[in-house]
Amino acid sequence: MFFFSHNRAFYILVGNHPDGKSSGASHALIDAFIKDNAGKNMLLDFEGSDIPTLAYFYSSFGAEHEIFPALKINRLPFYLKWLKK
């Protein structure tokens, strides 16, 4: 499924059925999307992955690794923060 916003297409909510994996359905879908939108001012965003095999799959389409800053706030009471360590 693709969502669009500000010259970006986000490839999210990917569901892989074992039959789809063996038939190359995801490859075909992404390839068709890239061909249909080639030359347009649009960026295809795969939303990244912590799963190495999925990251490798995305890189096969020319995806580049991009790091985004994140802020984590722990609002637990101090005694729970201590237990969490």
N, C-alpha and C. Protein backbone atom coordinates (compact mmCIF):
# COMPACT_ATOMS: atom_id res chain seq x y z
N MET A 1 0.85 -1.16 0.00
CA MET A 1 0.00 0.00 0.00
C MET A 1 0.90 1.23 0.00
N PHE A 2 0.52 2.21 -0.77
CA PHE A 2 1.28 3.45 -0.86
C PHE A 2 0.43 4.60 -0.31
N PHE A 3 1.04 5.46 0.48
CA PHE A 3 0.43 6.71 0.91
C PHE A 3 1.27 7.83 0.33
N PHE A 4 0.62 8.93 0.00
CA PHE A 4 1.30 10.04 -0.66
C PHE A 4 1.20 11.30 0.19
N SER A 5 2.31 12.03 0.28
CA SER A 5 2.34 13.29 0.99
C SER A 5 3.58 14.07 0.57
N HIS A 6 3.38 15.30 0.14
CA HIS A 6 4.48 16.23 -0.15
C HIS A 6 5.58 15.62 -1.02
N ASN A 7 5.24 15.19 -2.19
CA ASN A 7 6.20 14.62 -3.15
C ASN A 7 6.90 13.37 -2.63
N ARG A 8 6.26 12.67 -1.73
CA ARG A 8 6.78 11.40 -1.22
C ARG A 8 5.69 10.35 -1.33
N ALA A 9 6.12 9.16 -1.67
CA ALA A 9 5.23 8.00 -1.65
C ALA A 9 5.78 7.06 -0.58
N PHE A 10 4.96 6.72 0.38
CA PHE A 10 5.37 5.85 1.48
C PHE A 10 4.85 4.44 1.23
N TYR A 11 5.76 3.48 1.17
CA TYR A 11 5.41 2.08 0.97
C TYR A 11 5.28 1.44 2.35
N ILE A 12 4.02 1.29 2.79
CA ILE A 12 3.79 0.77 4.14
C ILE A 12 2.71 -0.30 4.12
N LEU A 13 2.48 -0.87 5.26
CA LEU A 13 1.46 -1.91 5.45
C LEU A 13 1.66 -3.06 4.48
N VAL A 14 2.88 -3.50 4.40
CA VAL A 14 3.22 -4.59 3.50
C VAL A 14 2.83 -5.90 4.15
N GLY A 15 1.99 -6.66 3.49
CA GLY A 15 1.63 -7.99 3.98
C GLY A 15 2.15 -9.01 2.99
N ASN A 16 2.91 -9.96 3.48
CA ASN A 16 3.48 -10.96 2.58
C ASN A 16 2.89 -12.33 2.88
N HIS A 17 2.19 -12.83 1.92
CA HIS A 17 1.68 -14.20 1.98
C HIS A 17 2.76 -15.09 1.38
N PRO A 18 2.95 -16.29 1.89
CA PRO A 18 4.00 -17.16 1.32
C PRO A 18 3.90 -17.34 -0.20
N ASP A 19 2.67 -17.40 -0.74
CA ASP A 19 2.52 -17.52 -2.19
C ASP A 19 3.01 -16.27 -2.90
N GLY A 20 2.76 -15.11 -2.29
CA GLY A 20 3.22 -13.86 -2.88
C GLY A 20 4.72 -13.74 -2.89
N LYS A 21 5.35 -14.26 -1.84
CA LYS A 21 6.82 -14.22 -1.78
C LYS A 21 7.43 -15.06 -2.89
N SER A 22 6.89 -16.25 -3.09
CA SER A 22 7.47 -17.13 -4.11
C SER A 22 7.19 -16.65 -5.52
N SER A 23 6.11 -15.90 -5.71
CA SER A 23 5.78 -15.42 -7.05
C SER A 23 6.45 -14.08 -7.37
N GLY A 24 7.03 -13.44 -6.36
CA GLY A 24 7.69 -12.15 -6.59
C GLY A 24 6.72 -10.99 -6.69
N ALA A 25 5.57 -11.10 -6.01
CA ALA A 25 4.54 -10.06 -6.09
C ALA A 25 5.05 -8.71 -5.60
N SER A 26 5.78 -8.69 -4.49
CA SER A 26 6.30 -7.42 -3.96
C SER A 26 7.28 -6.79 -4.92
N HIS A 27 8.15 -7.61 -5.52
CA HIS A 27 9.09 -7.09 -6.51
C HIS A 27 8.33 -6.43 -7.66
N ALA A 28 7.32 -7.13 -8.16
CA ALA A 28 6.56 -6.62 -9.31
C ALA A 28 5.83 -5.33 -8.97
N LEU A 29 5.24 -5.27 -7.77
CA LEU A 29 4.50 -4.08 -7.36
C LEU A 29 5.42 -2.86 -7.26
N ILE A 30 6.55 -3.03 -6.59
CA ILE A 30 7.48 -1.91 -6.43
C ILE A 30 8.08 -1.51 -7.77
N ASP A 31 8.44 -2.48 -8.58
CA ASP A 31 9.01 -2.20 -9.90
C ASP A 31 8.02 -1.43 -10.77
N ALA A 32 6.75 -1.84 -10.76
CA ALA A 32 5.73 -1.15 -11.55
C ALA A 32 5.53 0.28 -11.05
N PHE A 33 5.55 0.46 -9.73
CA PHE A 33 5.40 1.80 -9.16
C PHE A 33 6.55 2.70 -9.60
N ILE A 34 7.77 2.18 -9.54
CA ILE A 34 8.93 2.97 -9.94
C ILE A 34 8.85 3.34 -11.42
N LYS A 35 8.48 2.39 -12.26
CA LYS A 35 8.36 2.67 -13.70
C LYS A 35 7.28 3.70 -13.98
N ASP A 36 6.14 3.60 -13.29
CA ASP A 36 5.04 4.54 -13.50
C ASP A 36 5.38 5.96 -13.05
N ASN A 37 6.27 6.08 -12.08
CA ASN A 37 6.57 7.39 -11.52
C ASN A 37 7.97 7.90 -11.84
N ALA A 38 8.68 7.20 -12.71
CA ALA A 38 10.02 7.63 -13.11
C ALA A 38 9.93 9.00 -13.79
N GLY A 39 10.85 9.86 -13.45
CA GLY A 39 10.89 11.18 -14.05
C GLY A 39 10.02 12.20 -13.34
N LYS A 40 9.23 11.77 -12.38
CA LYS A 40 8.40 12.69 -11.60
C LYS A 40 9.19 13.16 -10.38
N ASN A 41 8.81 14.29 -9.87
CA ASN A 41 9.46 14.83 -8.68
C ASN A 41 8.86 14.15 -7.45
N MET A 42 9.21 12.87 -7.27
CA MET A 42 8.66 12.09 -6.17
C MET A 42 9.73 11.18 -5.59
N LEU A 43 9.69 11.00 -4.29
CA LEU A 43 10.62 10.13 -3.59
C LEU A 43 9.84 8.94 -3.04
N LEU A 44 10.34 7.74 -3.27
CA LEU A 44 9.73 6.54 -2.73
C LEU A 44 10.40 6.23 -1.40
N ASP A 45 9.61 6.27 -0.34
CA ASP A 45 10.11 6.06 1.02
C ASP A 45 9.65 4.70 1.51
N PHE A 46 10.61 3.80 1.78
CA PHE A 46 10.28 2.45 2.23
C PHE A 46 10.03 2.38 3.74
N GLU A 47 10.17 3.49 4.45
CA GLU A 47 9.94 3.53 5.89
C GLU A 47 10.94 2.70 6.68
N GLY A 48 12.00 2.26 6.07
CA GLY A 48 13.07 1.56 6.76
C GLY A 48 12.69 0.20 7.32
N SER A 49 13.66 -0.48 7.86
CA SER A 49 13.41 -1.77 8.48
C SER A 49 14.56 -2.15 9.38
N ASP A 50 14.22 -2.73 10.53
CA ASP A 50 15.23 -3.28 11.43
C ASP A 50 15.51 -4.74 11.09
N ILE A 51 14.76 -5.28 10.15
CA ILE A 51 14.93 -6.67 9.73
C ILE A 51 15.94 -6.68 8.58
N PRO A 52 17.10 -7.30 8.78
CA PRO A 52 18.17 -7.25 7.77
C PRO A 52 17.74 -7.73 6.38
N THR A 53 16.96 -8.80 6.30
CA THR A 53 16.55 -9.30 4.98
C THR A 53 15.63 -8.33 4.27
N LEU A 54 14.77 -7.65 5.02
CA LEU A 54 13.87 -6.67 4.42
C LEU A 54 14.65 -5.43 3.99
N ALA A 55 15.60 -5.00 4.81
CA ALA A 55 16.45 -3.87 4.44
C ALA A 55 17.24 -4.18 3.17
N TYR A 56 17.72 -5.41 3.06
CA TYR A 56 18.44 -5.83 1.86
C TYR A 56 17.51 -5.81 0.64
N PHE A 57 16.29 -6.28 0.81
CA PHE A 57 15.30 -6.26 -0.27
C PHE A 57 15.07 -4.84 -0.76
N TYR A 58 14.87 -3.90 0.17
CA TYR A 58 14.66 -2.51 -0.21
C TYR A 58 15.90 -1.93 -0.90
N SER A 59 17.08 -2.32 -0.44
CA SER A 59 18.30 -1.78 -1.05
C SER A 59 18.46 -2.26 -2.49
N SER A 60 17.83 -3.38 -2.84
CA SER A 60 17.93 -3.87 -4.22
C SER A 60 17.22 -2.94 -5.20
N PHE A 61 16.38 -2.03 -4.68
CA PHE A 61 15.71 -1.04 -5.52
C PHE A 61 16.43 0.30 -5.48
N GLY A 62 17.59 0.34 -4.86
CA GLY A 62 18.36 1.57 -4.79
C GLY A 62 18.09 2.38 -3.53
N ALA A 63 17.41 1.78 -2.56
CA ALA A 63 17.13 2.49 -1.31
C ALA A 63 18.43 2.85 -0.61
N GLU A 64 18.45 4.01 0.00
CA GLU A 64 19.62 4.47 0.74
C GLU A 64 19.29 4.52 2.22
N HIS A 65 20.25 4.13 3.04
CA HIS A 65 20.08 4.16 4.49
C HIS A 65 20.07 5.60 4.96
N GLU A 66 19.07 5.97 5.73
CA GLU A 66 18.96 7.33 6.25
C GLU A 66 18.63 7.25 7.73
N ILE A 67 19.36 7.99 8.54
CA ILE A 67 19.15 7.97 9.98
C ILE A 67 18.36 9.21 10.39
N PHE A 68 17.34 8.99 11.20
CA PHE A 68 16.51 10.07 11.70
C PHE A 68 16.72 10.20 13.20
N PRO A 69 16.82 11.43 13.70
CA PRO A 69 16.96 11.59 15.15
C PRO A 69 15.67 11.20 15.86
N ALA A 70 15.83 10.70 17.07
CA ALA A 70 14.67 10.31 17.87
C ALA A 70 14.88 10.76 19.31
N LEU A 71 13.80 11.08 19.96
CA LEU A 71 13.84 11.51 21.34
C LEU A 71 12.97 10.55 22.15
N LYS A 72 13.54 10.01 23.21
CA LYS A 72 12.81 9.08 24.06
C LYS A 72 12.69 9.70 25.44
N ILE A 73 11.47 9.87 25.90
CA ILE A 73 11.22 10.47 27.21
C ILE A 73 10.64 9.41 28.13
N ASN A 74 11.28 9.23 29.26
CA ASN A 74 10.83 8.27 30.25
C ASN A 74 10.15 9.03 31.38
N ARG A 75 8.85 8.93 31.48
CA ARG A 75 8.10 9.67 32.50
C ARG A 75 7.66 8.78 33.66
N LEU A 76 8.34 7.69 33.83
CA LEU A 76 8.05 6.82 34.96
C LEU A 76 8.52 7.49 36.25
N PRO A 77 7.91 7.17 37.38
CA PRO A 77 8.42 7.68 38.65
C PRO A 77 9.85 7.18 38.88
N PHE A 78 10.64 7.93 39.66
CA PHE A 78 12.07 7.62 39.83
C PHE A 78 12.31 6.19 40.30
N TYR A 79 11.46 5.67 41.18
CA TYR A 79 11.68 4.31 41.69
C TYR A 79 11.45 3.26 40.61
N LEU A 80 10.58 3.51 39.66
CA LEU A 80 10.39 2.58 38.55
C LEU A 80 11.51 2.70 37.53
N LYS A 81 12.01 3.90 37.36
CA LYS A 81 13.16 4.09 36.47
C LYS A 81 14.35 3.29 36.99
N TRP A 82 14.54 3.33 38.31
CA TRP A 82 15.65 2.60 38.93
C TRP A 82 15.48 1.10 38.72
N LEU A 83 14.27 0.59 38.86
CA LEU A 83 14.01 -0.84 38.66
C LEU A 83 14.20 -1.25 37.21
N LYS A 84 13.91 -0.35 36.33
CA LYS A 84 14.01 -0.65 34.89
C LYS A 84 15.45 -0.85 34.45
N LYS A 85 16.39 -0.21 35.15
CA LYS A 85 17.81 -0.34 34.78
C LYS A 85 18.22 -1.74 35.03
